C-alpha cells in the first residue's frame, strides 16, 4: 500500500511545514494555494515557498505540486512581465 501525505492550502503558514515528517511517504502532494495570506507576512509566505522548493528537491518525482487558484495569478503575472506583454492581458 502506498503512503501518500496530502497537504492542503497553506496560504503562507510555513509553520505547518516545520517538523512535517515526509521521509516515510511514497508521495507528498501539495494541493496548492501556497500564497495569498491575509494574516501572514510576505516573509512567512516566502519561507513556505522555500521549504516547499526544498522538499521538491529532496523528493524528486515523489513530490506532486498542484497549482491552486491563489497561485495561478502569480504565474500569470510572471509570464506576462517576462514576455513583456501588455498588463491588460
C-alpha atoms as a PDB file:
ATOM      1  CA  UNK A   1       0.000   0.000   0.000  1.00  0.00           C
ATOM      2  CA  UNK A   2       1.311   3.449  -0.955  1.00  0.00           C
ATOM      3  CA  UNK A   3       1.740   6.061   1.755  1.00  0.00           C
ATOM      4  CA  UNK A   4       0.643   9.463   0.469  1.00  0.00           C
ATOM      5  CA  UNK A   5       0.769  12.662   2.500  1.00  0.00           C
ATOM      6  CA  UNK A   6      -1.615  15.333   1.211  1.00  0.00           C
ATOM      7  CA  UNK A   7      -1.040  18.924   2.285  1.00  0.00           C
ATOM      8  CA  UNK A   8      -3.913  21.347   1.705  1.00  0.00           C
ATOM      9  CA  UNK A   9      -3.914  25.130   1.308  1.00  0.00           C
ATOM     10  CA  UNK A  10      -1.087  26.738   3.263  1.00  0.00           C
ATOM     11  CA  UNK A  11      -1.664  30.403   2.488  1.00  0.00           C
ATOM     12  CA  UNK A  12       1.779  31.284   3.813  1.00  0.00           C
ATOM     13  CA  UNK A  13       1.592  29.271   7.015  1.00  0.00           C
ATOM     14  CA  UNK A  14       5.116  27.908   6.865  1.00  0.00           C
ATOM     15  CA  UNK A  15       4.917  26.774  10.490  1.00  0.00           C
ATOM     16  CA  UNK A  16       2.630  23.990   9.271  1.00  0.00           C
ATOM     17  CA  UNK A  17       5.597  22.584   7.354  1.00  0.00           C
ATOM     18  CA  UNK A  18       8.096  22.654  10.205  1.00  0.00           C
ATOM     19  CA  UNK A  19       8.517  19.187  11.629  1.00  0.00           C
ATOM     20  CA  UNK A  20       6.418  17.623   8.883  1.00  0.00           C
ATOM     21  CA  UNK A  21       7.573  14.004   8.651  1.00  0.00           C
ATOM     22  CA  UNK A  22       7.821  13.086   4.985  1.00  0.00           C
ATOM     23  CA  UNK A  23      10.600  10.523   4.775  1.00  0.00           C
ATOM     24  CA  UNK A  24       8.181   7.622   5.294  1.00  0.00           C
ATOM     25  CA  UNK A  25       5.950   8.696   2.382  1.00  0.00           C
ATOM     26  CA  UNK A  26       5.803   7.267  -1.098  1.00  0.00           C
ATOM     27  CA  UNK A  27       4.368  10.569  -2.330  1.00  0.00           C
ATOM     28  CA  UNK A  28       3.822  14.061  -0.959  1.00  0.00           C
ATOM     29  CA  UNK A  29       1.049  16.021  -2.671  1.00  0.00           C
ATOM     30  CA  UNK A  30       0.567  19.769  -2.224  1.00  0.00           C
ATOM     31  CA  UNK A  31      -2.897  20.954  -3.143  1.00  0.00           C
ATOM     32  CA  UNK A  32      -1.733  24.469  -3.944  1.00  0.00           C
ATOM     33  CA  UNK A  33      -2.631  27.870  -2.524  1.00  0.00           C
ATOM     34  CA  UNK A  34       0.779  28.457  -1.047  1.00  0.00           C
ATOM     35  CA  UNK A  35       0.421  32.224  -1.302  1.00  0.00           C
ATOM     36  CA  UNK A  36      -2.181  34.890  -0.595  1.00  0.00           C
ATOM     37  CA  UNK A  37      -2.470  35.028   3.120  1.00  0.00           C
ATOM     38  CA  UNK A  38      -4.231  37.972   4.662  1.00  0.00           C
ATOM     39  CA  UNK A  39      -2.883  37.186   8.123  1.00  0.00           C
ATOM     40  CA  UNK A  40       0.695  36.117   7.313  1.00  0.00           C
ATOM     41  CA  UNK A  41       3.589  38.336   6.339  1.00  0.00           C
ATOM     42  CA  UNK A  42       5.254  38.274   2.955  1.00  0.00           C
ATOM     43  CA  UNK A  43       8.335  36.807   4.694  1.00  0.00           C
ATOM     44  CA  UNK A  44       6.266  33.897   6.059  1.00  0.00           C
ATOM     45  CA  UNK A  45       4.883  33.199   2.597  1.00  0.00           C
ATOM     46  CA  UNK A  46       8.392  33.242   1.119  1.00  0.00           C
ATOM     47  CA  UNK A  47       9.594  30.850   3.849  1.00  0.00           C
ATOM     48  CA  UNK A  48       6.749  28.472   2.994  1.00  0.00           C
ATOM     49  CA  UNK A  49       7.679  28.632  -0.679  1.00  0.00           C
ATOM     50  CA  UNK A  50      11.357  27.976   0.091  1.00  0.00           C
ATOM     51  CA  UNK A  51      10.506  24.979   2.277  1.00  0.00           C
ATOM     52  CA  UNK A  52       8.335  23.553  -0.480  1.00  0.00           C
ATOM     53  CA  UNK A  53      11.110  24.019  -3.040  1.00  0.00           C
ATOM     54  CA  UNK A  54      13.491  22.206  -0.688  1.00  0.00           C
ATOM     55  CA  UNK A  55      11.030  19.326  -0.351  1.00  0.00           C
ATOM     56  CA  UNK A  56      10.699  19.160  -4.134  1.00  0.00           C
ATOM     57  CA  UNK A  57      14.468  18.927  -4.454  1.00  0.00           C
ATOM     58  CA  UNK A  58      14.691  16.205  -1.786  1.00  0.00           C
ATOM     59  CA  UNK A  59      11.800  14.066  -3.029  1.00  0.00           C
ATOM     60  CA  UNK A  60      12.078  14.495  -6.794  1.00  0.00           C
ATOM     61  CA  UNK A  61       9.337  12.557  -8.574  1.00  0.00           C
ATOM     62  CA  UNK A  62       7.738  11.617  -5.257  1.00  0.00           C
ATOM     63  CA  UNK A  63       6.697  15.258  -4.911  1.00  0.00           C
ATOM     64  CA  UNK A  64       3.496  16.394  -6.629  1.00  0.00           C
ATOM     65  CA  UNK A  65       2.602  20.065  -6.588  1.00  0.00           C
ATOM     66  CA  UNK A  66      -0.740  21.253  -7.870  1.00  0.00           C
ATOM     67  CA  UNK A  67      -1.244  24.945  -8.502  1.00  0.00           C
ATOM     68  CA  UNK A  68      -4.127  26.468  -6.607  1.00  0.00           C
ATOM     69  CA  UNK A  69      -6.286  29.369  -7.674  1.00  0.00           C
ATOM     70  CA  UNK A  70      -4.262  31.636  -5.349  1.00  0.00           C
ATOM     71  CA  UNK A  71      -1.016  30.592  -7.053  1.00  0.00           C
ATOM     72  CA  UNK A  72      -2.014  30.836 -10.706  1.00  0.00           C
ATOM     73  CA  UNK A  73      -2.182  34.623 -10.892  1.00  0.00           C
ATOM     74  CA  UNK A  74       1.451  34.836  -9.685  1.00  0.00           C
ATOM     75  CA  UNK A  75       2.426  32.575 -12.559  1.00  0.00           C
ATOM     76  CA  UNK A  76       0.386  34.686 -14.954  1.00  0.00           C
ATOM     77  CA  UNK A  77       1.995  37.879 -13.632  1.00  0.00           C
ATOM     78  CA  UNK A  78       5.482  36.432 -14.066  1.00  0.00           C
ATOM     79  CA  UNK A  79       4.729  35.167 -17.574  1.00  0.00           C
ATOM     80  CA  UNK A  80       3.233  38.464 -18.735  1.00  0.00           C
ATOM     81  CA  UNK A  81       6.163  40.519 -17.445  1.00  0.00           C
ATOM     82  CA  UNK A  82       8.824  38.092 -18.596  1.00  0.00           C
ATOM     83  CA  UNK A  83       7.403  38.128 -22.112  1.00  0.00           C
ATOM     84  CA  UNK A  84       6.939  41.946 -21.997  1.00  0.00           C
ATOM     85  CA  UNK A  85       3.265  41.580 -22.804  1.00  0.00           C
ATOM     86  CA  UNK A  86       0.808  44.362 -22.032  1.00  0.00           C
ATOM     87  CA  UNK A  87      -0.518  44.093 -18.489  1.00  0.00           C
ATOM     88  CA  UNK A  88      -4.116  44.214 -19.763  1.00  0.00           C
ATOM     89  CA  UNK A  89      -3.872  40.576 -20.816  1.00  0.00           C
END
